[in-house]
Amino acid sequence: METKIRNYYAIKVTGGQETNVGLMLEERAKTNNINEIYSIIVPPNLKGYVIVEASGPHVVKLLISGIRNVRGVAQGLVPKDDILKIVSKKIVGPSIKEGDLVEVTAGPFRGMQAQVIKLNADKEEVVLNILESAFPLEVTIPIDQVKPSKKS
């Protein structure tokens, strides 16, 4: 059984159009039955590029020809290590533990002080006791909507 060659090619696109181009490339690959395209990656932190995993440059050129907002293929291949950095999940946000005082940064409780009651790392949620409430109020919100409160 032969192993398929998989290389990553950086497609130059108009800044801000990465998602649109990614969707158009996906649609073209499906409608034209281009089976040598293995994945299309739109990196959130890489402006002006879409990454295409394909068997060769000829397939990429066929895929991008005539697509609006595509500026061409960047020279060379994108190393697999760089792709893994792009697609691997990073733990972002401040480290918060149970008992910490935090400030809510988004949602209906924005700007309010709260104390962390429970931390659910799997769901990336935090259960808070809102301190500025007249009665005990527990809410569950995404962990990226809180930041550590300034210790006074």
N, C-alpha and C. Protein backbone atom coordinates (compact mmCIF):
# COMPACT_ATOMS: atom_id res chain seq x y z
N MET A 1 0.84 -1.19 0.00
CA MET A 1 0.00 0.00 0.00
C MET A 1 0.89 1.25 0.00
N GLU A 2 0.59 2.17 -0.89
CA GLU A 2 1.40 3.37 -0.98
C GLU A 2 0.92 4.41 0.05
N THR A 3 1.88 5.15 0.60
CA THR A 3 1.52 6.20 1.54
C THR A 3 1.34 7.50 0.76
N LYS A 4 0.34 8.24 1.14
CA LYS A 4 0.04 9.49 0.45
C LYS A 4 0.94 10.60 1.00
N ILE A 5 1.49 11.41 0.09
CA ILE A 5 2.31 12.54 0.50
C ILE A 5 1.38 13.66 0.94
N ARG A 6 1.68 14.23 2.10
CA ARG A 6 0.86 15.33 2.62
C ARG A 6 1.78 16.50 2.96
N ASN A 7 1.63 17.57 2.21
CA ASN A 7 2.42 18.77 2.46
C ASN A 7 1.47 19.93 2.78
N TYR A 8 2.00 20.92 3.48
CA TYR A 8 1.21 22.09 3.84
C TYR A 8 1.68 23.29 3.03
N TYR A 9 0.74 23.94 2.37
CA TYR A 9 1.03 25.09 1.52
C TYR A 9 0.32 26.32 2.08
N ALA A 10 1.06 27.44 2.13
CA ALA A 10 0.47 28.69 2.60
C ALA A 10 -0.08 29.45 1.40
N ILE A 11 -1.36 29.73 1.43
CA ILE A 11 -2.02 30.49 0.36
C ILE A 11 -2.12 31.94 0.83
N LYS A 12 -1.58 32.87 0.02
CA LYS A 12 -1.68 34.29 0.36
C LYS A 12 -3.06 34.79 -0.04
N VAL A 13 -3.73 35.46 0.91
CA VAL A 13 -5.07 35.98 0.64
C VAL A 13 -5.15 37.42 1.12
N THR A 14 -6.17 38.13 0.67
CA THR A 14 -6.41 39.50 1.11
C THR A 14 -6.69 39.48 2.61
N GLY A 15 -6.06 40.40 3.34
CA GLY A 15 -6.26 40.48 4.79
C GLY A 15 -7.73 40.64 5.15
N GLY A 16 -8.19 39.86 6.10
CA GLY A 16 -9.59 39.93 6.54
C GLY A 16 -10.51 39.00 5.76
N GLN A 17 -10.01 38.38 4.70
CA GLN A 17 -10.84 37.50 3.86
C GLN A 17 -10.49 36.02 4.05
N GLU A 18 -9.72 35.71 5.10
CA GLU A 18 -9.23 34.34 5.28
C GLU A 18 -10.37 33.33 5.40
N THR A 19 -11.38 33.65 6.20
CA THR A 19 -12.49 32.72 6.40
C THR A 19 -13.28 32.52 5.10
N ASN A 20 -13.57 33.62 4.40
CA ASN A 20 -14.32 33.53 3.14
C ASN A 20 -13.57 32.67 2.12
N VAL A 21 -12.26 32.91 2.01
CA VAL A 21 -11.45 32.14 1.06
C VAL A 21 -11.44 30.67 1.46
N GLY A 22 -11.28 30.40 2.76
CA GLY A 22 -11.29 29.02 3.25
C GLY A 22 -12.58 28.30 2.87
N LEU A 23 -13.71 28.99 3.02
CA LEU A 23 -15.00 28.39 2.68
C LEU A 23 -15.13 28.17 1.17
N MET A 24 -14.63 29.13 0.37
CA MET A 24 -14.69 28.97 -1.09
C MET A 24 -13.80 27.80 -1.54
N LEU A 25 -12.62 27.67 -0.93
CA LEU A 25 -11.73 26.56 -1.27
C LEU A 25 -12.38 25.23 -0.92
N GLU A 26 -13.03 25.17 0.23
CA GLU A 26 -13.71 23.94 0.63
C GLU A 26 -14.81 23.58 -0.36
N GLU A 27 -15.59 24.59 -0.74
CA GLU A 27 -16.68 24.36 -1.69
C GLU A 27 -16.15 23.86 -3.03
N ARG A 28 -15.06 24.48 -3.52
CA ARG A 28 -14.49 24.05 -4.80
C ARG A 28 -13.95 22.63 -4.71
N ALA A 29 -13.28 22.29 -3.61
CA ALA A 29 -12.73 20.94 -3.44
C ALA A 29 -13.85 19.89 -3.46
N LYS A 30 -14.99 20.26 -2.84
CA LYS A 30 -16.13 19.31 -2.82
C LYS A 30 -16.79 19.20 -4.18
N THR A 31 -17.10 20.34 -4.81
CA THR A 31 -17.85 20.30 -6.07
C THR A 31 -17.03 19.72 -7.21
N ASN A 32 -15.71 19.97 -7.21
CA ASN A 32 -14.87 19.45 -8.30
C ASN A 32 -14.24 18.11 -7.96
N ASN A 33 -14.63 17.55 -6.80
CA ASN A 33 -14.13 16.24 -6.40
C ASN A 33 -12.60 16.17 -6.37
N ILE A 34 -11.97 17.17 -5.79
CA ILE A 34 -10.51 17.18 -5.67
C ILE A 34 -10.15 16.42 -4.40
N ASN A 35 -9.78 15.15 -4.57
CA ASN A 35 -9.55 14.27 -3.41
C ASN A 35 -8.17 14.42 -2.80
N GLU A 36 -7.26 15.12 -3.47
CA GLU A 36 -5.91 15.27 -2.92
C GLU A 36 -5.78 16.43 -1.95
N ILE A 37 -6.91 17.09 -1.63
CA ILE A 37 -6.92 18.14 -0.60
C ILE A 37 -7.37 17.45 0.69
N TYR A 38 -6.49 17.49 1.71
CA TYR A 38 -6.79 16.77 2.95
C TYR A 38 -7.36 17.68 4.02
N SER A 39 -6.93 18.93 4.05
CA SER A 39 -7.48 19.87 5.03
C SER A 39 -7.24 21.30 4.57
N ILE A 40 -8.09 22.20 5.08
CA ILE A 40 -7.96 23.63 4.84
C ILE A 40 -8.00 24.28 6.22
N ILE A 41 -6.93 24.99 6.57
CA ILE A 41 -6.81 25.57 7.91
C ILE A 41 -6.81 27.09 7.78
N VAL A 42 -7.69 27.73 8.55
CA VAL A 42 -7.73 29.19 8.62
C VAL A 42 -7.23 29.57 10.02
N PRO A 43 -5.93 29.84 10.16
CA PRO A 43 -5.39 30.14 11.49
C PRO A 43 -5.92 31.47 12.01
N PRO A 44 -6.44 31.49 13.24
CA PRO A 44 -7.03 32.73 13.76
C PRO A 44 -6.01 33.83 14.00
N ASN A 45 -4.74 33.47 14.23
CA ASN A 45 -3.74 34.48 14.56
C ASN A 45 -2.75 34.73 13.43
N LEU A 46 -3.08 34.30 12.21
CA LEU A 46 -2.19 34.49 11.07
C LEU A 46 -2.97 35.22 9.97
N LYS A 47 -2.79 36.53 9.92
CA LYS A 47 -3.55 37.35 8.98
C LYS A 47 -2.97 37.23 7.57
N GLY A 48 -3.85 37.09 6.58
CA GLY A 48 -3.43 37.09 5.19
C GLY A 48 -3.03 35.73 4.64
N TYR A 49 -3.25 34.66 5.39
CA TYR A 49 -2.89 33.33 4.91
C TYR A 49 -3.95 32.29 5.26
N VAL A 50 -4.07 31.31 4.36
CA VAL A 50 -4.87 30.11 4.60
C VAL A 50 -3.93 28.94 4.31
N ILE A 51 -3.93 27.94 5.16
CA ILE A 51 -3.05 26.79 4.98
C ILE A 51 -3.85 25.65 4.34
N VAL A 52 -3.29 25.05 3.29
CA VAL A 52 -3.95 23.93 2.62
C VAL A 52 -3.03 22.71 2.70
N GLU A 53 -3.59 21.60 3.15
CA GLU A 53 -2.85 20.34 3.19
C GLU A 53 -3.23 19.57 1.93
N ALA A 54 -2.22 19.29 1.09
CA ALA A 54 -2.48 18.67 -0.20
C ALA A 54 -1.35 17.74 -0.60
N SER A 55 -1.58 16.96 -1.65
CA SER A 55 -0.56 16.00 -2.10
C SER A 55 0.54 16.67 -2.91
N GLY A 56 0.27 17.83 -3.50
CA GLY A 56 1.30 18.49 -4.30
C GLY A 56 0.89 19.88 -4.71
N PRO A 57 1.86 20.68 -5.20
CA PRO A 57 1.56 22.07 -5.57
C PRO A 57 0.59 22.19 -6.74
N HIS A 58 0.61 21.19 -7.65
CA HIS A 58 -0.31 21.24 -8.80
C HIS A 58 -1.76 21.19 -8.34
N VAL A 59 -2.04 20.44 -7.28
CA VAL A 59 -3.41 20.33 -6.75
C VAL A 59 -3.83 21.67 -6.13
N VAL A 60 -2.89 22.31 -5.42
CA VAL A 60 -3.18 23.60 -4.78
C VAL A 60 -3.46 24.65 -5.85
N LYS A 61 -2.66 24.67 -6.91
CA LYS A 61 -2.86 25.65 -7.99
C LYS A 61 -4.22 25.45 -8.66
N LEU A 62 -4.60 24.18 -8.85
CA LEU A 62 -5.91 23.87 -9.42
C LEU A 62 -7.02 24.37 -8.50
N LEU A 63 -6.83 24.19 -7.20
CA LEU A 63 -7.84 24.58 -6.22
C LEU A 63 -8.03 26.10 -6.16
N ILE A 64 -6.92 26.86 -6.20
CA ILE A 64 -7.03 28.31 -5.98
C ILE A 64 -7.25 29.12 -7.24
N SER A 65 -7.10 28.51 -8.42
CA SER A 65 -7.18 29.30 -9.65
C SER A 65 -8.55 29.96 -9.79
N GLY A 66 -8.53 31.27 -9.98
CA GLY A 66 -9.76 32.03 -10.21
C GLY A 66 -10.55 32.36 -8.96
N ILE A 67 -10.06 31.98 -7.80
CA ILE A 67 -10.80 32.29 -6.57
C ILE A 67 -10.49 33.73 -6.16
N ARG A 68 -11.54 34.45 -5.84
CA ARG A 68 -11.41 35.85 -5.48
C ARG A 68 -10.65 36.01 -4.17
N ASN A 69 -9.90 37.08 -4.04
CA ASN A 69 -9.10 37.41 -2.85
C ASN A 69 -7.91 36.51 -2.62
N VAL A 70 -7.61 35.60 -3.54
CA VAL A 70 -6.41 34.77 -3.42
C VAL A 70 -5.29 35.46 -4.17
N ARG A 71 -4.14 35.64 -3.50
CA ARG A 71 -3.01 36.34 -4.09
C ARG A 71 -1.93 35.39 -4.60
N GLY A 72 -2.07 34.09 -4.34
CA GLY A 72 -1.08 33.13 -4.82
C GLY A 72 -0.62 32.21 -3.70
N VAL A 73 0.38 31.38 -4.03
CA VAL A 73 0.93 30.42 -3.07
C VAL A 73 2.28 30.94 -2.61
N ALA A 74 2.51 30.94 -1.29
CA ALA A 74 3.80 31.37 -0.75
C ALA A 74 4.86 30.34 -1.11
N GLN A 75 6.09 30.79 -1.28
CA GLN A 75 7.20 29.90 -1.63
C GLN A 75 7.45 28.88 -0.52
N GLY A 76 7.77 27.67 -0.92
CA GLY A 76 8.14 26.63 0.05
C GLY A 76 6.95 26.01 0.75
N LEU A 77 7.26 25.10 1.64
CA LEU A 77 6.24 24.40 2.40
C LEU A 77 6.19 24.92 3.83
N VAL A 78 5.03 24.76 4.46
CA VAL A 78 4.90 25.12 5.87
C VAL A 78 5.29 23.88 6.68
N PRO A 79 6.26 24.01 7.60
CA PRO A 79 6.67 22.84 8.39
C PRO A 79 5.53 22.29 9.25
N LYS A 80 5.50 20.96 9.39
CA LYS A 80 4.43 20.32 10.15
C LYS A 80 4.41 20.79 11.61
N ASP A 81 5.60 21.10 12.16
CA ASP A 81 5.66 21.59 13.55
C ASP A 81 4.87 22.88 13.71
N ASP A 82 4.98 23.78 12.71
CA ASP A 82 4.25 25.04 12.77
C ASP A 82 2.74 24.80 12.73
N ILE A 83 2.31 23.83 11.93
CA ILE A 83 0.88 23.50 11.84
C ILE A 83 0.39 22.99 13.19
N LEU A 84 1.18 22.13 13.82
CA LEU A 84 0.79 21.59 15.13
C LEU A 84 0.64 22.71 16.15
N LYS A 85 1.51 23.71 16.09
CA LYS A 85 1.40 24.85 17.01
C LYS A 85 0.10 25.62 16.76
N ILE A 86 -0.27 25.73 15.48
CA ILE A 86 -1.48 26.48 15.12
C ILE A 86 -2.74 25.76 15.59
N VAL A 87 -2.80 24.43 15.37
CA VAL A 87 -4.04 23.71 15.64
C VAL A 87 -4.13 23.12 17.04
N SER A 88 -3.01 23.05 17.78
CA SER A 88 -3.09 22.48 19.12
C SER A 88 -3.76 23.47 20.06
N LYS A 89 -4.50 22.93 21.00
CA LYS A 89 -5.26 23.76 21.92
C LYS A 89 -4.33 24.34 22.97
N LYS A 90 -4.40 25.64 23.13
CA LYS A 90 -3.59 26.31 24.13
C LYS A 90 -4.48 26.68 25.31
N ILE A 91 -3.92 26.56 26.51
CA ILE A 91 -4.65 27.00 27.68
C ILE A 91 -4.36 28.48 27.83
N VAL A 92 -5.40 29.27 27.62
CA VAL A 92 -5.23 30.71 27.66
C VAL A 92 -5.93 31.27 28.89
N GLY A 93 -5.61 32.48 29.19
CA GLY A 93 -6.26 33.14 30.30
C GLY A 93 -5.44 33.00 31.57
N PRO A 94 -5.80 33.79 32.54
CA PRO A 94 -5.06 33.78 33.79
C PRO A 94 -5.33 32.50 34.58
N SER A 95 -4.38 32.13 35.41
CA SER A 95 -4.60 30.94 36.24
C SER A 95 -5.44 31.36 37.44
N ILE A 96 -6.61 30.74 37.54
CA ILE A 96 -7.56 31.07 38.59
C ILE A 96 -7.82 29.78 39.38
N LYS A 97 -7.89 29.93 40.70
CA LYS A 97 -8.18 28.75 41.51
C LYS A 97 -9.36 29.05 42.44
N GLU A 98 -9.91 28.01 43.04
CA GLU A 98 -11.06 28.17 43.93
C GLU A 98 -10.71 29.07 45.10
N GLY A 99 -11.64 29.96 45.44
CA GLY A 99 -11.42 30.89 46.54
C GLY A 99 -10.89 32.25 46.10
N ASP A 100 -10.39 32.35 44.86
CA ASP A 100 -9.85 33.61 44.35
C ASP A 100 -10.95 34.66 44.16
N LEU A 101 -10.57 35.92 44.33
CA LEU A 101 -11.46 37.01 44.00
C LEU A 101 -11.19 37.40 42.55
N VAL A 102 -12.27 37.54 41.77
CA VAL A 102 -12.14 37.86 40.35
C VAL A 102 -13.10 38.98 39.97
N GLU A 103 -12.83 39.54 38.79
CA GLU A 103 -13.75 40.53 38.22
C GLU A 103 -14.32 39.95 36.95
N VAL A 104 -15.62 40.07 36.76
CA VAL A 104 -16.27 39.57 35.55
C VAL A 104 -16.04 40.58 34.44
N THR A 105 -15.55 40.10 33.26
CA THR A 105 -15.19 41.03 32.18
C THR A 105 -16.20 41.08 31.04
N ALA A 106 -17.22 40.21 31.09
CA ALA A 106 -18.21 40.20 30.00
C ALA A 106 -19.54 39.68 30.52
N GLY A 107 -20.57 39.91 29.74
CA GLY A 107 -21.90 39.39 30.10
C GLY A 107 -22.66 40.33 31.02
N PRO A 108 -23.80 39.86 31.54
CA PRO A 108 -24.66 40.73 32.37
C PRO A 108 -24.03 41.13 33.70
N PHE A 109 -23.03 40.39 34.17
CA PHE A 109 -22.38 40.70 35.45
C PHE A 109 -21.06 41.45 35.26
N ARG A 110 -20.85 41.99 34.10
CA ARG A 110 -19.60 42.68 33.76
C ARG A 110 -19.28 43.77 34.78
N GLY A 111 -18.01 43.78 35.21
CA GLY A 111 -17.55 44.78 36.15
C GLY A 111 -17.78 44.43 37.61
N MET A 112 -18.50 43.35 37.87
CA MET A 112 -18.79 42.97 39.25
C MET A 112 -17.68 42.09 39.82
N GLN A 113 -17.51 42.21 41.13
CA GLN A 113 -16.55 41.38 41.85
C GLN A 113 -17.23 40.07 42.23
N ALA A 114 -16.45 38.99 42.21
CA ALA A 114 -17.01 37.69 42.55
C ALA A 114 -15.92 36.81 43.16
N GLN A 115 -16.37 35.75 43.83
CA GLN A 115 -15.43 34.79 44.39
C GLN A 115 -15.64 33.46 43.68
N VAL A 116 -14.52 32.80 43.31
CA VAL A 116 -14.59 31.52 42.61
C VAL A 116 -15.00 30.44 43.61
N ILE A 117 -16.10 29.75 43.31
CA ILE A 117 -16.56 28.65 44.16
C ILE A 117 -16.06 27.33 43.61
N LYS A 118 -16.16 27.18 42.28
CA LYS A 118 -15.78 25.92 41.66
C LYS A 118 -15.18 26.21 40.29
N LEU A 119 -14.19 25.41 39.92
CA LEU A 119 -13.51 25.57 38.64
C LEU A 119 -13.68 24.28 37.85
N ASN A 120 -14.27 24.36 36.65
CA ASN A 120 -14.44 23.18 35.81
C ASN A 120 -13.54 23.35 34.59
N ALA A 121 -12.31 22.82 34.67
CA ALA A 121 -11.33 23.00 33.60
C ALA A 121 -11.74 22.29 32.32
N ASP A 122 -12.43 21.15 32.43
CA ASP A 122 -12.84 20.39 31.25
C ASP A 122 -13.79 21.20 30.38
N LYS A 123 -14.76 21.84 31.00
CA LYS A 123 -15.74 22.64 30.25
C LYS A 123 -15.30 24.09 30.10
N GLU A 124 -14.13 24.43 30.72
CA GLU A 124 -13.63 25.79 30.72
C GLU A 124 -14.66 26.76 31.27
N GLU A 125 -15.27 26.35 32.40
CA GLU A 125 -16.27 27.17 33.07
C GLU A 125 -15.85 27.39 34.51
N VAL A 126 -16.42 28.42 35.11
CA VAL A 126 -16.14 28.73 36.50
C VAL A 126 -17.47 29.09 37.17
N VAL A 127 -17.68 28.58 38.39
CA VAL A 127 -18.87 28.91 39.17
C VAL A 127 -18.47 30.00 40.14
N LEU A 128 -19.20 31.11 40.10
CA LEU A 128 -18.87 32.28 40.91
C LEU A 128 -19.97 32.62 41.88
N ASN A 129 -19.58 33.23 42.99
CA ASN A 129 -20.52 33.86 43.91
C ASN A 129 -20.36 35.36 43.72
N ILE A 130 -21.40 36.00 43.19
CA ILE A 130 -21.33 37.44 42.93
C ILE A 130 -21.40 38.16 44.28
N LEU A 131 -20.35 38.90 44.61
CA LEU A 131 -20.24 39.54 45.93
C LEU A 131 -21.10 40.80 46.05
N GLU A 132 -21.36 41.46 44.91
CA GLU A 132 -22.09 42.73 44.94
C GLU A 132 -23.61 42.53 44.92
N SER A 133 -24.04 41.29 45.09
CA SER A 133 -25.48 40.99 45.08
C SER A 133 -26.02 41.09 46.51
N ALA A 134 -27.29 41.49 46.65
CA ALA A 134 -27.92 41.62 47.96
C ALA A 134 -28.19 40.25 48.60
N PHE A 135 -28.24 39.21 47.77
CA PHE A 135 -28.47 37.84 48.26
C PHE A 135 -27.45 36.93 47.61
N PRO A 136 -27.21 35.75 48.17
CA PRO A 136 -26.22 34.84 47.57
C PRO A 136 -26.61 34.49 46.13
N LEU A 137 -25.72 34.79 45.21
CA LEU A 137 -26.02 34.57 43.79
C LEU A 137 -24.87 33.80 43.15
N GLU A 138 -25.15 32.57 42.76
CA GLU A 138 -24.14 31.75 42.09
C GLU A 138 -24.43 31.71 40.60
N VAL A 139 -23.38 31.96 39.80
CA VAL A 139 -23.52 31.91 38.35
C VAL A 139 -22.38 31.09 37.76
N THR A 140 -22.65 30.44 36.63
CA THR A 140 -21.63 29.69 35.90
C THR A 140 -21.37 30.43 34.60
N ILE A 141 -20.10 30.81 34.39
CA ILE A 141 -19.75 31.53 33.17
C ILE A 141 -18.45 30.96 32.60
N PRO A 142 -18.17 31.22 31.31
CA PRO A 142 -16.91 30.76 30.72
C PRO A 142 -15.71 31.39 31.44
N ILE A 143 -14.65 30.61 31.58
CA ILE A 143 -13.47 31.07 32.33
C ILE A 143 -12.79 32.26 31.66
N ASP A 144 -12.98 32.42 30.35
CA ASP A 144 -12.33 33.55 29.68
C ASP A 144 -13.07 34.87 29.92
N GLN A 145 -14.18 34.82 30.67
CA GLN A 145 -14.92 36.05 30.98
C GLN A 145 -14.61 36.56 32.38
N VAL A 146 -13.57 36.03 33.02
CA VAL A 146 -13.16 36.53 34.33
C VAL A 146 -11.67 36.83 34.33
N LYS A 147 -11.28 37.78 35.17
CA LYS A 147 -9.85 38.05 35.36
C LYS A 147 -9.60 38.21 36.85
N PRO A 148 -8.39 37.88 37.29
CA PRO A 148 -8.11 38.03 38.72
C PRO A 148 -8.33 39.47 39.17
N SER A 149 -8.95 39.63 40.33
CA SER A 149 -9.18 40.95 40.86
C SER A 149 -7.91 41.49 41.46
N LYS A 150 -7.74 42.80 41.40
CA LYS A 150 -6.54 43.42 41.99
C LYS A 150 -6.63 43.27 43.51
N LYS A 151 -5.61 42.69 44.07
CA LYS A 151 -5.59 42.49 45.53
C LYS A 151 -5.35 43.85 46.20
N SER A 152 -6.15 44.17 47.21
CA SER A 152 -5.98 45.46 47.87
C SER A 152 -5.43 45.27 49.28
